[in-house]
Amino acid sequence: MKRSRPVVAIDGPAGAGKSTCAGRLANRLGYVLVDTGALYRGVALAAAEAGISFDDGPRLGELTRNLPLRFAPNADGPPKLMINDIDRSADIRTPEISKGASDVSKHAEVRDALLGLQRKLGEDGGVVLEGRDIGTVVFPDAEVKIFLTASEKVRGERRWHELRARGVLADRDQTVAEVAARDLQDSQRPVAPLKPASDAIHVDTSEIDLEAAVSQMESIVRAKLAS
């Protein structure tokens, strides 16, 4: 390995369980968690509040370059996303901002602005990064690459349960349809489309619970450390 501890890159579509699995995996390994999806959600939230269209790549890029984004420790769960030193972790988890994150992420100006930050956060290894292009664009040299997925129906229903647990009114069928639409947009965008790295190990969570998936992923990492 190039680093004393690996970069673990976890990619996959919406609702596959990336955030949950990445957080638990980082805890088991004693690694730092970097939720790159939260960064794009933060950009979408800031754009919405500034009245910037999700279709305006140049203005979104300028916003992102000047946006103070950072993660803060959280004893009760995943790191908190701070924007202008204010915790916006809850604000970025709405259906509207989830869709907005997919919209803003299609712009090269936004992705370029966030690329350096993501690489800086993980450059020393001992880190778990999750997103949609970690193993293909952000860290193509990551020592461990995992593509986490599940069937469209399973992922849509997970998202629906997640929204209901947070008190968000959502229709089950509409939520499944929204996950499918995001899959299509993320996989067909011209800049850094969602796809597994050629050397990624696939983990399908359609018929296993997320704890079993975490155990499978931990085994993959520990096998790499032992090689």
C-alpha atoms as a PDB file:
ATOM      1  CA  MET A   1       0.000   0.000   0.000  1.00  0.00           C
ATOM      2  CA  LYS A   2       1.112   3.576  -0.667  1.00  0.00           C
ATOM      3  CA  ARG A   3      -0.135   4.786   2.719  1.00  0.00           C
ATOM      4  CA  SER A   4       0.440   3.351   6.188  1.00  0.00           C
ATOM      5  CA  ARG A   5      -3.342   3.083   6.521  1.00  0.00           C
ATOM      6  CA  PRO A   6      -5.657   2.794   3.512  1.00  0.00           C
ATOM      7  CA  VAL A   7      -8.135   5.114   1.922  1.00  0.00           C
ATOM      8  CA  VAL A   8     -11.416   3.198   1.841  1.00  0.00           C
ATOM      9  CA  ALA A   9     -13.606   4.448  -1.025  1.00  0.00           C
ATOM     10  CA  ILE A  10     -17.285   3.506  -0.865  1.00  0.00           C
ATOM     11  CA  ASP A  11     -19.419   4.379  -3.878  1.00  0.00           C
ATOM     12  CA  GLY A  12     -22.955   3.477  -4.804  1.00  0.00           C
ATOM     13  CA  PRO A  13     -26.426   4.752  -5.681  1.00  0.00           C
ATOM     14  CA  ALA A  14     -28.898   6.531  -3.423  1.00  0.00           C
ATOM     15  CA  GLY A  15     -30.407   4.421  -0.666  1.00  0.00           C
ATOM     16  CA  ALA A  16     -27.785   1.665  -0.783  1.00  0.00           C
ATOM     17  CA  GLY A  17     -26.851   2.344   2.838  1.00  0.00           C
ATOM     18  CA  LYS A  18     -23.558   4.106   2.168  1.00  0.00           C
ATOM     19  CA  SER A  19     -23.805   6.647   4.977  1.00  0.00           C
ATOM     20  CA  THR A  20     -24.826   4.106   7.615  1.00  0.00           C
ATOM     21  CA  CYS A  21     -22.304   1.485   6.515  1.00  0.00           C
ATOM     22  CA  ALA A  22     -19.476   3.982   6.105  1.00  0.00           C
ATOM     23  CA  GLY A  23     -20.058   5.391   9.582  1.00  0.00           C
ATOM     24  CA  ARG A  24     -20.137   1.992  11.248  1.00  0.00           C
ATOM     25  CA  LEU A  25     -17.137   0.793   9.268  1.00  0.00           C
ATOM     26  CA  ALA A  26     -15.122   3.868  10.234  1.00  0.00           C
ATOM     27  CA  ASN A  27     -15.975   3.260  13.893  1.00  0.00           C
ATOM     28  CA  ARG A  28     -14.910  -0.379  13.729  1.00  0.00           C
ATOM     29  CA  LEU A  29     -11.620   0.486  12.061  1.00  0.00           C
ATOM     30  CA  GLY A  30     -10.935   3.618  14.102  1.00  0.00           C
ATOM     31  CA  TYR A  31     -10.799   5.649  10.868  1.00  0.00           C
ATOM     32  CA  VAL A  32     -12.093   9.139  10.040  1.00  0.00           C
ATOM     33  CA  LEU A  33     -15.405   9.312   8.171  1.00  0.00           C
ATOM     34  CA  VAL A  34     -15.824  11.765   5.282  1.00  0.00           C
ATOM     35  CA  ASP A  35     -19.384  11.992   3.933  1.00  0.00           C
ATOM     36  CA  THR A  36     -18.798  13.586   0.536  1.00  0.00           C
ATOM     37  CA  GLY A  37     -22.500  13.447  -0.252  1.00  0.00           C
ATOM     38  CA  ALA A  38     -23.058  15.837   2.656  1.00  0.00           C
ATOM     39  CA  LEU A  39     -20.739  18.340   0.961  1.00  0.00           C
ATOM     40  CA  TYR A  40     -22.900  18.371  -2.182  1.00  0.00           C
ATOM     41  CA  ARG A  41     -26.017  18.642  -0.035  1.00  0.00           C
ATOM     42  CA  GLY A  42     -24.392  21.604   1.706  1.00  0.00           C
ATOM     43  CA  VAL A  43     -23.817  23.306  -1.637  1.00  0.00           C
ATOM     44  CA  ALA A  44     -27.439  22.653  -2.648  1.00  0.00           C
ATOM     45  CA  LEU A  45     -28.709  24.082   0.635  1.00  0.00           C
ATOM     46  CA  ALA A  46     -26.525  27.179   0.358  1.00  0.00           C
ATOM     47  CA  ALA A  47     -27.608  27.682  -3.264  1.00  0.00           C
ATOM     48  CA  ALA A  48     -31.291  27.383  -2.383  1.00  0.00           C
ATOM     49  CA  GLU A  49     -30.915  29.903   0.418  1.00  0.00           C
ATOM     50  CA  ALA A  50     -28.992  32.283  -1.858  1.00  0.00           C
ATOM     51  CA  GLY A  51     -31.557  32.001  -4.645  1.00  0.00           C
ATOM     52  CA  ILE A  52     -29.087  30.426  -7.084  1.00  0.00           C
ATOM     53  CA  SER A  53     -30.565  28.065  -9.661  1.00  0.00           C
ATOM     54  CA  PHE A  54     -29.378  24.465  -9.556  1.00  0.00           C
ATOM     55  CA  ASP A  55     -28.880  24.809 -13.332  1.00  0.00           C
ATOM     56  CA  ASP A  56     -26.429  27.733 -13.089  1.00  0.00           C
ATOM     57  CA  GLY A  57     -23.053  25.991 -13.133  1.00  0.00           C
ATOM     58  CA  PRO A  58     -20.810  29.105 -13.076  1.00  0.00           C
ATOM     59  CA  ARG A  59     -22.620  30.722 -10.130  1.00  0.00           C
ATOM     60  CA  LEU A  60     -22.760  27.417  -8.268  1.00  0.00           C
ATOM     61  CA  GLY A  61     -19.028  26.982  -8.799  1.00  0.00           C
ATOM     62  CA  GLU A  62     -18.324  30.454  -7.441  1.00  0.00           C
ATOM     63  CA  LEU A  63     -20.553  29.777  -4.440  1.00  0.00           C
ATOM     64  CA  THR A  64     -18.804  26.475  -3.728  1.00  0.00           C
ATOM     65  CA  ARG A  65     -15.304  27.947  -3.960  1.00  0.00           C
ATOM     66  CA  ASN A  66     -16.196  30.497  -1.296  1.00  0.00           C
ATOM     67  CA  LEU A  67     -18.369  28.296   0.915  1.00  0.00           C
ATOM     68  CA  PRO A  68     -16.878  27.510   4.361  1.00  0.00           C
ATOM     69  CA  LEU A  69     -17.609  23.772   4.608  1.00  0.00           C
ATOM     70  CA  ARG A  70     -16.145  21.552   7.289  1.00  0.00           C
ATOM     71  CA  PHE A  71     -16.981  18.551   9.424  1.00  0.00           C
ATOM     72  CA  ALA A  72     -17.152  18.737  13.212  1.00  0.00           C
ATOM     73  CA  PRO A  73     -16.972  15.760  15.620  1.00  0.00           C
ATOM     74  CA  ASN A  74     -20.274  14.441  16.907  1.00  0.00           C
ATOM     75  CA  ALA A  75     -20.296  12.160  19.939  1.00  0.00           C
ATOM     76  CA  ASP A  76     -23.821  10.974  19.095  1.00  0.00           C
ATOM     77  CA  GLY A  77     -23.274   9.971  15.469  1.00  0.00           C
ATOM     78  CA  PRO A  78     -21.677  10.935  12.150  1.00  0.00           C
ATOM     79  CA  PRO A  79     -19.645  14.146  11.925  1.00  0.00           C
ATOM     80  CA  LYS A  80     -21.730  17.298  11.697  1.00  0.00           C
ATOM     81  CA  LEU A  81     -21.640  19.354   8.508  1.00  0.00           C
ATOM     82  CA  MET A  82     -20.818  22.941   9.393  1.00  0.00           C
ATOM     83  CA  ILE A  83     -21.542  25.806   6.985  1.00  0.00           C
ATOM     84  CA  ASN A  84     -20.264  29.159   8.171  1.00  0.00           C
ATOM     85  CA  ASP A  85     -19.604  27.399  11.502  1.00  0.00           C
ATOM     86  CA  ILE A  86     -23.316  26.572  11.889  1.00  0.00           C
ATOM     87  CA  ASP A  87     -24.455  22.954  12.166  1.00  0.00           C
ATOM     88  CA  ARG A  88     -26.683  22.287   9.120  1.00  0.00           C
ATOM     89  CA  SER A  89     -26.674  18.482   9.393  1.00  0.00           C
ATOM     90  CA  ALA A  90     -30.441  18.206   9.777  1.00  0.00           C
ATOM     91  CA  ASP A  91     -31.205  20.850   7.142  1.00  0.00           C
ATOM     92  CA  ILE A  92     -29.440  18.946   4.339  1.00  0.00           C
ATOM     93  CA  ARG A  93     -31.482  15.740   4.794  1.00  0.00           C
ATOM     94  CA  THR A  94     -34.762  16.826   3.194  1.00  0.00           C
ATOM     95  CA  PRO A  95     -36.054  15.333  -0.089  1.00  0.00           C
ATOM     96  CA  GLU A  96     -35.678  18.719  -1.785  1.00  0.00           C
ATOM     97  CA  ILE A  97     -32.028  19.086  -0.831  1.00  0.00           C
ATOM     98  CA  SER A  98     -31.365  15.435  -1.691  1.00  0.00           C
ATOM     99  CA  LYS A  99     -32.645  16.111  -5.204  1.00  0.00           C
ATOM    100  CA  GLY A 100     -30.728  19.404  -5.246  1.00  0.00           C
ATOM    101  CA  ALA A 101     -27.493  17.629  -4.370  1.00  0.00           C
ATOM    102  CA  SER A 102     -27.879  15.454  -7.454  1.00  0.00           C
ATOM    103  CA  ASP A 103     -28.655  18.533  -9.553  1.00  0.00           C
ATOM    104  CA  VAL A 104     -25.640  20.574  -8.430  1.00  0.00           C
ATOM    105  CA  SER A 105     -23.271  17.620  -8.630  1.00  0.00           C
ATOM    106  CA  LYS A 106     -23.688  17.412 -12.415  1.00  0.00           C
ATOM    107  CA  HIS A 107     -21.790  20.693 -12.847  1.00  0.00           C
ATOM    108  CA  ALA A 108     -18.037  20.494 -13.434  1.00  0.00           C
ATOM    109  CA  GLU A 109     -17.586  23.834 -11.658  1.00  0.00           C
ATOM    110  CA  VAL A 110     -18.998  22.406  -8.424  1.00  0.00           C
ATOM    111  CA  ARG A 111     -17.135  19.109  -8.632  1.00  0.00           C
ATOM    112  CA  ASP A 112     -13.833  20.888  -9.341  1.00  0.00           C
ATOM    113  CA  ALA A 113     -14.368  23.210  -6.387  1.00  0.00           C
ATOM    114  CA  LEU A 114     -14.979  20.297  -3.995  1.00  0.00           C
ATOM    115  CA  LEU A 115     -12.350  17.937  -5.390  1.00  0.00           C
ATOM    116  CA  GLY A 116      -9.408  19.522  -3.596  1.00  0.00           C
ATOM    117  CA  LEU A 117     -11.259  19.584  -0.265  1.00  0.00           C
ATOM    118  CA  GLN A 118     -12.166  15.903  -0.527  1.00  0.00           C
ATOM    119  CA  ARG A 119      -8.608  14.905  -1.391  1.00  0.00           C
ATOM    120  CA  LYS A 120      -7.187  16.993   1.438  1.00  0.00           C
ATOM    121  CA  LEU A 121      -9.531  15.324   3.929  1.00  0.00           C
ATOM    122  CA  GLY A 122      -8.346  11.861   2.903  1.00  0.00           C
ATOM    123  CA  GLU A 123      -4.774  12.276   1.708  1.00  0.00           C
ATOM    124  CA  ASP A 124      -3.104  10.684   4.752  1.00  0.00           C
ATOM    125  CA  GLY A 125      -5.239   7.534   4.733  1.00  0.00           C
ATOM    126  CA  GLY A 126      -6.972   5.985   7.695  1.00  0.00           C
ATOM    127  CA  VAL A 127     -10.180   7.374   6.269  1.00  0.00           C
ATOM    128  CA  VAL A 128     -13.501   6.105   4.922  1.00  0.00           C
ATOM    129  CA  LEU A 129     -14.996   8.265   2.163  1.00  0.00           C
ATOM    130  CA  GLU A 130     -18.425   7.618   0.716  1.00  0.00           C
ATOM    131  CA  GLY A 131     -20.035   9.108  -2.340  1.00  0.00           C
ATOM    132  CA  ARG A 132     -20.574   8.401  -6.022  1.00  0.00           C
ATOM    133  CA  ASP A 133     -17.166   8.978  -7.623  1.00  0.00           C
ATOM    134  CA  ILE A 134     -14.678   8.377  -4.809  1.00  0.00           C
ATOM    135  CA  GLY A 135     -13.004   5.338  -6.357  1.00  0.00           C
ATOM    136  CA  THR A 136     -13.168   6.649  -9.933  1.00  0.00           C
ATOM    137  CA  VAL A 137     -12.326  10.365  -9.626  1.00  0.00           C
ATOM    138  CA  VAL A 138     -11.512  11.566  -6.107  1.00  0.00           C
ATOM    139  CA  PHE A 139      -9.210   8.712  -5.059  1.00  0.00           C
ATOM    140  CA  PRO A 140      -8.589   6.460  -8.077  1.00  0.00           C
ATOM    141  CA  ASP A 141      -5.534   5.216  -6.147  1.00  0.00           C
ATOM    142  CA  ALA A 142      -7.568   4.217  -3.063  1.00  0.00           C
ATOM    143  CA  GLU A 143      -6.257   1.014  -1.532  1.00  0.00           C
ATOM    144  CA  VAL A 144      -9.791  -0.342  -0.965  1.00  0.00           C
ATOM    145  CA  LYS A 145     -12.712   0.338  -3.310  1.00  0.00           C
ATOM    146  CA  ILE A 146     -16.203  -0.921  -2.551  1.00  0.00           C
ATOM    147  CA  PHE A 147     -19.332  -0.429  -4.670  1.00  0.00           C
ATOM    148  CA  LEU A 148     -22.329  -0.733  -2.367  1.00  0.00           C
ATOM    149  CA  THR A 149     -25.684  -1.333  -4.003  1.00  0.00           C
ATOM    150  CA  ALA A 150     -29.132  -2.891  -3.624  1.00  0.00           C
ATOM    151  CA  SER A 151     -32.209  -3.312  -5.777  1.00  0.00           C
ATOM    152  CA  GLU A 152     -34.093  -0.178  -6.755  1.00  0.00           C
ATOM    153  CA  LYS A 153     -37.188  -1.210  -4.779  1.00  0.00           C
ATOM    154  CA  VAL A 154     -35.220  -1.976  -1.630  1.00  0.00           C
ATOM    155  CA  ARG A 155     -33.336   1.312  -1.818  1.00  0.00           C
ATOM    156  CA  GLY A 156     -36.500   3.319  -2.411  1.00  0.00           C
ATOM    157  CA  GLU A 157     -38.265   1.744   0.532  1.00  0.00           C
ATOM    158  CA  ARG A 158     -35.270   2.329   2.796  1.00  0.00           C
ATOM    159  CA  ARG A 159     -35.330   5.996   1.896  1.00  0.00           C
ATOM    160  CA  TRP A 160     -39.076   6.124   2.554  1.00  0.00           C
ATOM    161  CA  HIS A 161     -38.640   4.595   6.039  1.00  0.00           C
ATOM    162  CA  GLU A 162     -35.774   6.995   6.725  1.00  0.00           C
ATOM    163  CA  LEU A 163     -37.940  10.005   5.834  1.00  0.00           C
ATOM    164  CA  ARG A 164     -40.845   8.794   7.951  1.00  0.00           C
ATOM    165  CA  ALA A 165     -38.523   8.227  10.904  1.00  0.00           C
ATOM    166  CA  ARG A 166     -37.544  11.898  10.677  1.00  0.00           C
ATOM    167  CA  GLY A 167     -41.190  12.960  10.569  1.00  0.00           C
ATOM    168  CA  VAL A 168     -41.172  13.811   6.856  1.00  0.00           C
ATOM    169  CA  LEU A 169     -44.436  13.049   5.057  1.00  0.00           C
ATOM    170  CA  ALA A 170     -43.595  10.981   1.975  1.00  0.00           C
ATOM    171  CA  ASP A 171     -45.414   8.667  -0.396  1.00  0.00           C
ATOM    172  CA  ARG A 172     -43.812   5.220  -0.701  1.00  0.00           C
ATOM    173  CA  ASP A 173     -44.247   4.846  -4.471  1.00  0.00           C
ATOM    174  CA  GLN A 174     -43.145   8.401  -5.145  1.00  0.00           C
ATOM    175  CA  THR A 175     -40.036   7.912  -3.033  1.00  0.00           C
ATOM    176  CA  VAL A 176     -39.121   4.750  -4.963  1.00  0.00           C
ATOM    177  CA  ALA A 177     -39.662   6.659  -8.219  1.00  0.00           C
ATOM    178  CA  GLU A 178     -37.467   9.520  -6.994  1.00  0.00           C
ATOM    179  CA  VAL A 179     -34.635   7.080  -6.195  1.00  0.00           C
ATOM    180  CA  ALA A 180     -34.931   5.626  -9.703  1.00  0.00           C
ATOM    181  CA  ALA A 181     -34.860   9.124 -11.219  1.00  0.00           C
ATOM    182  CA  ARG A 182     -31.765  10.023  -9.242  1.00  0.00           C
ATOM    183  CA  ASP A 183     -30.061   6.804 -10.372  1.00  0.00           C
ATOM    184  CA  LEU A 184     -30.700   7.790 -13.974  1.00  0.00           C
ATOM    185  CA  GLN A 185     -29.463  11.351 -13.518  1.00  0.00           C
ATOM    186  CA  ASP A 186     -26.353  10.342 -11.580  1.00  0.00           C
ATOM    187  CA  SER A 187     -25.378   7.593 -14.015  1.00  0.00           C
ATOM    188  CA  GLN A 188     -25.937   9.681 -17.151  1.00  0.00           C
ATOM    189  CA  ARG A 189     -24.363  12.985 -16.116  1.00  0.00           C
ATOM    190  CA  PRO A 190     -21.416  13.888 -18.355  1.00  0.00           C
ATOM    191  CA  VAL A 191     -19.137  14.788 -15.427  1.00  0.00           C
ATOM    192  CA  ALA A 192     -18.030  11.965 -13.080  1.00  0.00           C
ATOM    193  CA  PRO A 193     -21.029   9.695 -13.678  1.00  0.00           C
ATOM    194  CA  LEU A 194     -21.971   7.119 -11.071  1.00  0.00           C
ATOM    195  CA  LYS A 195     -20.289   3.843 -11.971  1.00  0.00           C
ATOM    196  CA  PRO A 196     -18.191   1.269 -10.142  1.00  0.00           C
ATOM    197  CA  ALA A 197     -14.432   1.495 -10.440  1.00  0.00           C
ATOM    198  CA  SER A 198     -13.036  -1.363 -12.496  1.00  0.00           C
ATOM    199  CA  ASP A 199     -11.281  -2.753  -9.407  1.00  0.00           C
ATOM    200  CA  ALA A 200     -14.125  -2.151  -6.927  1.00  0.00           C
ATOM    201  CA  ILE A 201     -15.514  -5.024  -4.889  1.00  0.00           C
ATOM    202  CA  HIS A 202     -19.307  -5.161  -5.125  1.00  0.00           C
ATOM    203  CA  VAL A 203     -21.394  -5.575  -1.974  1.00  0.00           C
ATOM    204  CA  ASP A 204     -25.136  -6.055  -2.539  1.00  0.00           C
ATOM    205  CA  THR A 205     -27.349  -5.272   0.457  1.00  0.00           C
ATOM    206  CA  SER A 206     -30.669  -6.255  -1.125  1.00  0.00           C
ATOM    207  CA  GLU A 207     -31.049  -9.377   1.003  1.00  0.00           C
ATOM    208  CA  ILE A 208     -28.763  -8.701   3.958  1.00  0.00           C
ATOM    209  CA  ASP A 209     -29.082  -6.141   6.707  1.00  0.00           C
ATOM    210  CA  LEU A 210     -26.654  -3.253   6.940  1.00  0.00           C
ATOM    211  CA  GLU A 211     -24.813  -4.735   9.916  1.00  0.00           C
ATOM    212  CA  ALA A 212     -23.992  -7.824   7.847  1.00  0.00           C
ATOM    213  CA  ALA A 213     -22.860  -5.550   5.030  1.00  0.00           C
ATOM    214  CA  VAL A 214     -20.546  -3.685   7.413  1.00  0.00           C
ATOM    215  CA  SER A 215     -19.023  -6.974   8.565  1.00  0.00           C
ATOM    216  CA  GLN A 216     -18.440  -7.971   4.938  1.00  0.00           C
ATOM    217  CA  MET A 217     -16.806  -4.617   4.211  1.00  0.00           C
ATOM    218  CA  GLU A 218     -14.640  -4.835   7.322  1.00  0.00           C
ATOM    219  CA  SER A 219     -13.383  -8.231   6.168  1.00  0.00           C
ATOM    220  CA  ILE A 220     -12.452  -6.718   2.804  1.00  0.00           C
ATOM    221  CA  VAL A 221     -10.426  -3.953   4.464  1.00  0.00           C
ATOM    222  CA  ARG A 222      -8.704  -6.251   6.947  1.00  0.00           C
ATOM    223  CA  ALA A 223      -7.784  -8.655   4.162  1.00  0.00           C
ATOM    224  CA  LYS A 224      -6.110  -5.753   2.373  1.00  0.00           C
ATOM    225  CA  LEU A 225      -4.238  -4.751   5.529  1.00  0.00           C
ATOM    226  CA  ALA A 226      -2.995  -8.317   5.931  1.00  0.00           C
ATOM    227  CA  SER A 227      -1.828  -8.654   2.309  1.00  0.00           C
END
